[in-house]
Every structure is written in structure tokens, then in C-alpha cells.
Amino acid sequence: MSYLPKPKLHHPKLPTNAIGLTRRDYEGAISTLCAGCGHDSISAAIIQACFNLSLPPHRVAKLSGIGCSSKTPTYFLGAAHGFNSVHGRMPSVLTGAYLANRDLIYLGVSGDGDSASIGFGQFAHSIRRGVNMTYIVENNGVYGLTKGQFSATSDKGSVAKKGNVNTDQPIDLAAIAVQLGATFVARSFSGDKEQLVPLIEAALLHEGSAFIDVLSPCVAFNNHPGSTKSYDYVREHNDALNRLDVMLPRQEITASYAPGALTEVVQHDGSILRLRKLHDGHDPTDRTSAMHYLMERKAAGEIVTGLIYVEPEATPLHQNLGTVPVALNSLGDADLCPGADALERINASLR
């Protein structure tokens, strides 16, 4: 059974957000993934982030490809728009939807097989074009639906459940995203809700291509000694760059942080990212510094998590193309077919 609806009854005094919705209103169907799967923790983080931001669920469009990760949109935001595409093709379907209707909030969910193998080219072009989206990869380092083969993000030297050793170099999707021009890049761990929820909030508010690589252990095929994507391994090798809090405009938020330097980054919409620096010398607005730090810590055998890079004044795809400020799917015949004279002027300008 692949679809289990949740009971609609809930406690009448559940906390509500600014638009009067409870956290339950952001949930979906009951998960049919393996018990303990890290993907379910990511779904819970998405639910919490959308609840915290008071996003109307019907304003969100969630898209996915194929794989365990791409099943998860069924388990959150049941009242949102949804589209489950074919393997590796989620980015192009999302790009088309965004071009047609810029008024929705786009959330793409994918996996390491979906985005780093068959969909690697799709991933790359959606990132470099600056599609206004939040792109989350639920990265477990294996093909979970086909019984645990290594994926393109599996680390060289990691050991599979049956004992075979991976001899290929891994693809670091976060580093690739930085290099391709993503204007928001982060990495987190499904077992660290305190870090993950604010990162998702910040990504949803960012105008531009926001990418989050979430390490999400597969309890069935990649959570054993020798795996570099297991719960224990990630916790032992986690090198957290910062702790993030999101301050919405005109809303006072207080948070408890350990002592350390504080960096505030004002995003295009006026929201403020407050970064509690855990490492001196890393500037989250310096693309070159971000690339250098990722490579440096990788050589040291550490996994960098947190906000890796952000460009506060990003220009999304619609702005780069110079399209009209309204959704293209709302234009009428008079706007789309301006007449022969207008067409002649366009043709003349191209001669």
C-alpha cells in the first residue's frame, strides 16, 4: 500500500501560525518509507519550516523525480500543488512551471541518484540559470529502491552492506552548486533538526536558485560500519560552519546561541539571515572562500554542514529574461498576440 491518509481529527487547541493554520495542516499522507529513514526527518523539517513561515500551502508547488526521496512530497503539504516527474527530469519540469507561473513557491525534492547520475545535466542547468526555487537533495549515497548499489555521491573507499568497496570518486553536489553559480548553497544532516529547519526557511525566502544537500542515512542499506553516510559517521565527522536563524521583516525573533561572532545577511526580500560563526575565516558571501573551505575540509575527512554560500542580491531567471512582472499563464490573447505590426518590428530588430 503506497498511500495511507492521516486521520483528520486533531486537538482543538493546537498552536496556530500567523495565517491560522496548525502544523497538522502542513502534513501529508502517512509515510511508507522504512522506519527510521532520514527522509522522514527531512519531510518533518519541511513541514516545520513552512509552518514557521506561515506559507499558504496552496501557494507551494512541490516537484520530484524518481526514488525513495521523490516519494516524500506525498508526506508533506498535502494541500500544495504536486508533480512527480520521470527519473532525473524534475529540474526541467520545475523550470517550465516556474516560467509559466512565477507566483508560486517552488520546492524541488530529489535524491543523489536522481540528481547526481541520470539527472546531473538537468540539475546543473537549473542551478546555473538561476531558477527561483528551493532544491533539496536527500542524499543517502545508495540506490535504496534497487537494493543498495553505490550512487554517484558514495565516497571512495566506503563499504557497502554486502562488503564490496566503492572505487569511484564521489560527486560533491554542494561544491558543484557553488561552482555553477547557485546563489544559496547549504548542507545539513537529517538528524540535526535544529540546523536543518532554519536552512529550509532561509532557502524558501531566497530569490534565486537555493540548493540544500541533506545527508540522509538509509537505514536499510547504508547505515552500517564502513558507510560514510551512516548516522554515526556523519555525527562523528560533522564540521558545522554556522548556526542559522531567520528573522522575517518587522518580526522580532530571539534565539539562544553559543558565544561567537555574529554575521547578518540581509536578503532581497528584507529577511535577515543571522549566522553564528563557528569557524573564523569563512565568509558565507564569498564564493571562492566557500569552494576553498569545502575542498580543505574534504581533504581533512570532514563533512561541512551549515550555510556554505549566499548571494544576498541574487537575480532570478525571470529578471534575467526580462519577462513581464505577472505570471505568463495569466496573460490573455491580446497580450500574447499583439498583432502583425508588433511582429514586424520584432523581426526587423533581428535583421
Protein backbone atom coordinates (compact mmCIF):
# COMPACT_ATOMS: atom_id res chain seq x y z
CA MET A 1 0.00 0.00 0.00
CA SER A 2 1.58 3.30 -1.09
CA TYR A 3 -0.94 5.84 0.22
CA LEU A 4 -2.15 5.99 3.82
CA PRO A 5 -4.22 9.08 4.66
CA LYS A 6 -3.82 10.57 8.12
CA PRO A 7 -6.82 10.96 10.43
CA LYS A 8 -8.33 14.44 10.12
CA LEU A 9 -9.18 14.73 13.81
CA HIS A 10 -6.71 16.67 15.96
CA HIS A 11 -6.63 18.52 19.26
CA PRO A 12 -8.69 21.75 19.06
CA LYS A 13 -6.03 23.79 20.87
CA LEU A 14 -3.04 23.07 18.67
CA PRO A 15 -0.82 26.16 18.18
CA THR A 16 -1.52 28.16 15.04
CA ASN A 17 0.70 30.38 12.92
CA ALA A 18 0.11 33.87 11.50
CA ILE A 19 -2.47 32.64 8.97
CA GLY A 20 -4.36 30.49 11.48
CA LEU A 21 -3.05 27.08 10.39
CA THR A 22 -1.71 24.34 12.64
CA ARG A 23 1.32 22.23 11.92
CA ARG A 24 -1.05 19.39 11.01
CA ASP A 25 -2.34 21.49 8.11
CA TYR A 26 1.10 21.21 6.51
CA GLU A 27 1.30 17.43 6.74
CA GLY A 28 0.54 14.90 4.00
CA ALA A 29 -0.14 11.18 3.95
CA ILE A 30 1.45 8.67 6.34
CA SER A 31 4.95 7.72 5.22
CA THR A 32 5.50 4.23 3.82
CA LEU A 33 9.30 4.54 3.92
CA CYS A 34 11.37 2.29 6.21
CA ALA A 35 11.09 3.08 9.91
CA GLY A 36 13.97 5.37 10.85
CA CYS A 37 14.58 6.61 7.31
CA GLY A 38 16.31 10.00 7.33
CA HIS A 39 13.99 11.18 4.56
CA ASP A 40 11.08 11.29 7.01
CA SER A 41 13.08 13.67 9.20
CA ILE A 42 13.56 15.95 6.19
CA SER A 43 9.82 15.90 5.50
CA ALA A 44 9.21 16.87 9.13
CA ALA A 45 11.70 19.73 8.78
CA ILE A 46 9.95 20.98 5.63
CA ILE A 47 6.60 20.88 7.44
CA GLN A 48 8.03 22.83 10.38
CA ALA A 49 9.71 25.41 8.14
CA CYS A 50 6.55 26.09 6.13
CA PHE A 51 4.51 26.33 9.33
CA ASN A 52 7.02 28.76 10.86
CA LEU A 53 6.95 30.95 7.73
CA SER A 54 3.12 30.85 7.61
CA LEU A 55 3.19 29.86 3.94
CA PRO A 56 -0.26 29.18 2.44
CA PRO A 57 0.04 25.54 1.28
CA HIS A 58 -1.84 26.25 -1.97
CA ARG A 59 0.89 28.73 -2.93
CA VAL A 60 3.54 25.99 -2.94
CA ALA A 61 4.37 23.73 -5.88
CA LYS A 62 6.33 20.61 -4.91
CA LEU A 63 8.02 18.56 -7.61
CA SER A 64 10.14 15.42 -7.56
CA GLY A 65 11.72 12.74 -9.76
CA ILE A 66 12.07 9.02 -9.04
CA GLY A 67 13.45 7.27 -5.96
CA CYS A 68 12.83 6.98 -2.23
CA SER A 69 13.44 10.72 -1.88
CA SER A 70 10.98 11.56 -4.65
CA LYS A 71 8.20 9.70 -2.82
CA THR A 72 8.43 12.12 0.11
CA PRO A 73 6.36 15.04 -1.27
CA THR A 74 3.36 12.77 -0.65
CA TYR A 75 4.16 13.03 3.06
CA PHE A 76 4.13 16.84 3.43
CA LEU A 77 1.98 19.78 2.28
CA GLY A 78 -0.98 17.72 1.21
CA ALA A 79 -2.83 20.86 0.10
CA ALA A 80 0.01 22.05 -2.18
CA HIS A 81 0.34 21.56 -5.93
CA GLY A 82 2.36 18.44 -6.73
CA PHE A 83 4.03 16.81 -9.73
CA ASN A 84 6.04 13.59 -9.71
CA SER A 85 8.15 13.59 -12.89
CA VAL A 86 10.28 10.89 -14.52
CA HIS A 87 13.77 9.90 -13.36
CA GLY A 88 16.17 12.85 -13.31
CA ARG A 89 13.80 15.26 -15.05
CA MET A 90 12.40 17.17 -12.08
CA PRO A 91 14.57 20.30 -12.68
CA SER A 92 13.33 20.87 -16.23
CA VAL A 93 9.69 20.30 -15.27
CA LEU A 94 10.13 22.74 -12.36
CA THR A 95 11.79 25.28 -14.68
CA GLY A 96 8.86 25.11 -17.09
CA ALA A 97 6.32 25.51 -14.30
CA TYR A 98 8.24 28.46 -12.86
CA LEU A 99 8.42 30.19 -16.25
CA ALA A 100 4.67 29.76 -16.73
CA ASN A 101 3.67 30.86 -13.22
CA ARG A 102 6.18 32.90 -11.24
CA ASP A 103 3.64 33.50 -8.46
CA LEU A 104 4.09 30.08 -6.83
CA ILE A 105 6.79 28.99 -4.37
CA TYR A 106 8.73 26.14 -5.97
CA LEU A 107 10.16 23.27 -3.94
CA GLY A 108 12.05 20.53 -5.75
CA VAL A 109 12.89 17.29 -3.92
CA SER A 110 15.36 14.84 -5.38
CA GLY A 111 17.91 12.22 -4.43
CA ASP A 112 21.57 11.54 -5.10
CA GLY A 113 20.74 9.01 -7.82
CA ASP A 114 18.10 11.29 -9.32
CA SER A 115 20.30 14.43 -9.38
CA ALA A 116 23.90 13.19 -9.48
CA SER A 117 23.52 10.48 -12.14
CA ILE A 118 20.71 10.41 -14.69
CA GLY A 119 19.63 13.95 -13.83
CA PHE A 120 23.08 15.52 -13.41
CA GLY A 121 22.74 17.69 -16.51
CA GLN A 122 19.23 18.76 -15.52
CA PHE A 123 20.49 19.70 -12.06
CA ALA A 124 23.38 21.71 -13.49
CA HIS A 125 21.35 23.79 -15.92
CA SER A 126 18.55 24.62 -13.48
CA ILE A 127 21.16 25.84 -11.00
CA ARG A 128 23.18 27.95 -13.44
CA ARG A 129 20.07 29.57 -14.90
CA GLY A 130 19.00 30.93 -11.54
CA VAL A 131 15.56 29.33 -11.34
CA ASN A 132 13.79 30.74 -8.27
CA MET A 133 13.41 27.51 -6.34
CA THR A 134 14.42 25.55 -3.28
CA TYR A 135 16.17 22.39 -4.47
CA ILE A 136 16.64 19.74 -1.77
CA VAL A 137 18.66 16.59 -2.41
CA GLU A 138 18.04 13.82 0.13
CA ASN A 139 21.49 12.24 -0.10
CA ASN A 140 21.91 8.71 1.24
CA GLY A 141 24.72 7.53 -1.04
CA VAL A 142 22.88 4.47 -2.34
CA TYR A 143 20.08 3.42 -4.68
CA GLY A 144 17.61 2.45 -1.98
CA LEU A 145 14.77 1.35 -4.25
CA THR A 146 17.03 -1.12 -6.09
CA LYS A 147 18.62 -2.67 -3.00
CA GLY A 148 21.64 -0.55 -2.12
CA GLN A 149 24.03 -0.11 -5.06
CA PHE A 150 26.53 2.75 -4.72
CA SER A 151 25.36 6.09 -6.09
CA ALA A 152 27.44 8.88 -7.64
CA THR A 153 27.79 10.58 -4.22
CA SER A 154 29.18 7.48 -2.48
CA ASP A 155 32.62 8.24 -1.08
CA LYS A 156 35.63 6.41 -2.47
CA GLY A 157 36.56 3.64 -0.05
CA SER A 158 33.11 3.36 1.52
CA VAL A 159 31.91 -0.18 2.12
CA ALA A 160 28.51 -1.49 1.02
CA LYS A 161 26.31 -3.60 3.26
CA LYS A 162 27.43 -6.77 1.44
CA GLY A 163 31.10 -5.84 1.79
CA ASN A 164 32.10 -4.51 -1.65
CA VAL A 165 34.20 -1.32 -1.67
CA ASN A 166 33.49 1.75 -3.82
CA THR A 167 36.46 2.64 -6.04
CA ASP A 168 34.96 5.72 -7.75
CA GLN A 169 35.42 9.36 -6.77
CA PRO A 170 32.22 10.96 -5.38
CA ILE A 171 30.33 13.93 -6.80
CA ASP A 172 30.00 16.73 -4.24
CA LEU A 173 26.70 18.34 -5.21
CA ALA A 174 27.15 21.29 -2.83
CA ALA A 175 30.55 22.13 -4.35
CA ILE A 176 29.13 21.76 -7.87
CA ALA A 177 26.24 24.08 -6.96
CA VAL A 178 28.66 26.74 -5.71
CA GLN A 179 30.73 26.43 -8.87
CA LEU A 180 27.70 26.60 -11.18
CA GLY A 181 26.51 29.88 -9.68
CA ALA A 182 23.84 28.88 -7.17
CA THR A 183 23.05 31.91 -5.01
CA PHE A 184 22.25 29.90 -1.86
CA VAL A 185 24.09 26.69 -1.02
CA ALA A 186 23.87 24.71 2.21
CA ARG A 187 24.44 21.22 3.53
CA SER A 188 22.79 19.65 6.53
CA PHE A 189 22.05 16.34 8.21
CA SER A 190 18.61 14.80 8.57
CA GLY A 191 19.43 14.06 12.21
CA ASP A 192 20.04 17.75 13.03
CA LYS A 193 16.62 19.41 13.00
CA GLU A 194 17.93 22.48 14.85
CA GLN A 195 20.20 23.24 11.89
CA LEU A 196 18.02 21.95 9.04
CA VAL A 197 14.74 23.80 9.72
CA PRO A 198 16.23 27.34 9.62
CA LEU A 199 18.20 26.43 6.48
CA ILE A 200 15.00 25.40 4.72
CA GLU A 201 13.25 28.56 5.90
CA ALA A 202 16.08 30.71 4.54
CA ALA A 203 16.10 28.82 1.24
CA LEU A 204 12.35 29.26 0.77
CA LEU A 205 12.73 33.02 1.30
CA HIS A 206 15.70 33.35 -1.04
CA GLU A 207 15.04 34.76 -4.52
CA GLY A 208 17.21 32.65 -6.77
CA SER A 209 18.49 29.10 -7.01
CA ALA A 210 18.71 27.78 -3.44
CA PHE A 211 20.26 24.33 -3.04
CA ILE A 212 20.45 22.17 0.11
CA ASP A 213 22.33 18.87 0.19
CA VAL A 214 20.91 16.89 3.13
CA LEU A 215 22.79 13.80 4.24
CA SER A 216 20.05 11.29 4.97
CA PRO A 217 21.12 7.80 6.11
CA CYS A 218 19.43 4.80 4.52
CA VAL A 219 18.68 2.51 7.47
CA ALA A 220 18.13 -0.47 5.18
CA PHE A 221 21.29 -0.37 3.03
CA ASN A 222 23.74 2.32 4.20
CA ASN A 223 23.75 2.66 7.98
CA HIS A 224 26.47 0.16 8.89
CA PRO A 225 30.16 0.35 9.87
CA GLY A 226 32.19 1.27 6.78
CA SER A 227 29.47 3.56 5.40
CA THR A 228 30.29 7.28 5.19
CA LYS A 229 26.58 8.20 5.09
CA SER A 230 25.51 6.47 8.31
CA TYR A 231 24.11 8.27 11.36
CA ASP A 232 27.20 7.55 13.43
CA TYR A 233 29.71 8.54 10.74
CA VAL A 234 28.05 11.87 9.94
CA ARG A 235 27.74 12.80 13.61
CA GLU A 236 31.41 11.99 14.22
CA HIS A 237 32.70 13.88 11.17
CA ASN A 238 30.30 16.84 11.07
CA ASP A 239 32.11 20.20 10.70
CA ALA A 240 29.36 22.78 11.27
CA LEU A 241 30.14 26.17 9.72
CA ASN A 242 27.43 28.16 11.46
CA ARG A 243 24.08 28.09 13.17
CA LEU A 244 21.35 29.90 11.29
CA ASP A 245 18.26 31.82 12.35
CA VAL A 246 15.81 33.57 10.02
CA MET A 247 14.34 36.94 11.01
CA LEU A 248 11.29 37.97 8.98
CA PRO A 249 10.78 41.69 8.33
CA ARG A 250 9.18 43.53 11.27
CA GLN A 251 9.21 40.36 13.35
CA GLU A 252 11.42 40.11 16.42
CA ILE A 253 12.94 36.69 16.91
CA THR A 254 15.20 35.71 19.75
CA ALA A 255 17.44 32.68 19.75
CA SER A 256 19.93 31.07 22.08
CA TYR A 257 23.39 30.67 20.58
CA ALA A 258 26.78 29.73 21.91
CA PRO A 259 29.29 32.58 22.19
CA GLY A 260 30.94 33.60 18.93
CA ALA A 261 30.93 36.20 16.19
CA LEU A 262 27.61 37.06 14.57
CA THR A 263 27.11 37.78 10.87
CA GLU A 264 23.86 39.24 9.50
CA VAL A 265 23.00 38.90 5.82
CA VAL A 266 20.01 40.89 4.51
CA GLN A 267 18.24 39.09 1.67
CA HIS A 268 16.48 40.73 -1.26
CA ASP A 269 13.03 40.47 0.35
CA GLY A 270 14.20 42.13 3.56
CA SER A 271 14.51 38.93 5.60
CA ILE A 272 17.71 38.66 7.63
CA LEU A 273 19.92 35.59 7.95
CA ARG A 274 21.73 35.64 11.30
CA LEU A 275 24.82 33.43 11.21
CA ARG A 276 26.56 32.43 14.38
CA LYS A 277 30.05 31.74 13.10
CA LEU A 278 31.66 28.54 14.35
CA HIS A 279 34.76 28.95 12.18
CA ASP A 280 36.79 32.11 11.79
CA GLY A 281 37.85 32.94 8.26
CA HIS A 282 34.80 31.61 6.40
CA ASP A 283 32.81 34.36 4.68
CA PRO A 284 29.41 32.94 3.53
CA THR A 285 29.13 35.68 0.88
CA ASP A 286 32.49 34.81 -0.76
CA ARG A 287 32.10 32.14 -3.45
CA THR A 288 35.83 31.49 -3.72
CA SER A 289 36.15 31.12 0.04
CA ALA A 290 33.25 28.65 0.06
CA MET A 291 34.87 26.47 -2.60
CA HIS A 292 38.23 26.56 -0.83
CA TYR A 293 36.73 25.63 2.54
CA LEU A 294 34.78 22.69 1.10
CA MET A 295 37.91 21.26 -0.52
CA GLU A 296 40.05 21.89 2.57
CA ARG A 297 37.69 20.11 4.96
CA LYS A 298 37.08 17.27 2.50
CA ALA A 299 40.83 16.64 2.43
CA ALA A 300 40.71 16.50 6.24
CA GLY A 301 37.95 13.87 6.14
CA GLU A 302 35.25 16.19 7.48
CA ILE A 303 31.71 16.91 6.27
CA VAL A 304 30.92 20.61 6.09
CA THR A 305 27.36 21.49 7.13
CA GLY A 306 25.54 24.79 7.50
CA LEU A 307 25.14 27.74 5.15
CA ILE A 308 28.07 27.47 2.76
CA TYR A 309 27.33 30.36 0.40
CA VAL A 310 24.67 33.03 -0.08
CA GLU A 311 24.41 35.90 -2.55
CA PRO A 312 22.03 38.44 -0.95
CA GLU A 313 21.23 40.35 -4.17
CA ALA A 314 20.56 37.42 -6.48
CA THR A 315 18.75 37.88 -9.81
CA PRO A 316 16.34 35.03 -10.60
CA LEU A 317 15.62 33.72 -14.09
CA HIS A 318 12.55 35.86 -14.83
CA GLN A 319 14.53 39.01 -14.06
CA ASN A 320 17.40 37.84 -16.26
CA LEU A 321 14.98 37.17 -19.14
CA GLY A 322 13.18 40.48 -18.70
CA THR A 323 9.73 38.93 -18.66
CA VAL A 324 6.59 40.78 -17.62
CA PRO A 325 6.01 41.05 -13.84
CA VAL A 326 2.87 38.87 -13.89
CA ALA A 327 2.51 35.12 -14.35
CA LEU A 328 2.71 34.21 -18.05
CA ASN A 329 -0.21 31.80 -17.69
CA SER A 330 -2.43 34.76 -16.72
CA LEU A 331 -1.85 36.69 -19.94
CA GLY A 332 -4.75 36.98 -22.38
CA ASP A 333 -4.84 36.69 -26.17
CA ALA A 334 -4.30 40.42 -26.63
CA ASP A 335 -1.04 40.22 -24.67
CA LEU A 336 0.20 37.04 -26.32
CA CYS A 337 -0.81 38.01 -29.88
CA PRO A 338 -0.13 41.76 -30.21
CA GLY A 339 -0.66 41.79 -33.98
CA ALA A 340 1.25 41.83 -37.25
CA ASP A 341 2.78 45.28 -36.72
CA ALA A 342 4.41 44.25 -33.45
CA LEU A 343 5.70 41.03 -35.03
CA GLU A 344 7.18 43.00 -37.92
CA ARG A 345 9.01 45.29 -35.52
CA ILE A 346 10.50 42.28 -33.72
CA ASN A 347 11.60 40.68 -36.99
CA ALA A 348 13.10 43.97 -38.15
CA SER A 349 15.15 44.29 -34.97
CA LEU A 350 16.72 40.89 -35.65
CA ARG A 351 17.77 41.58 -39.24
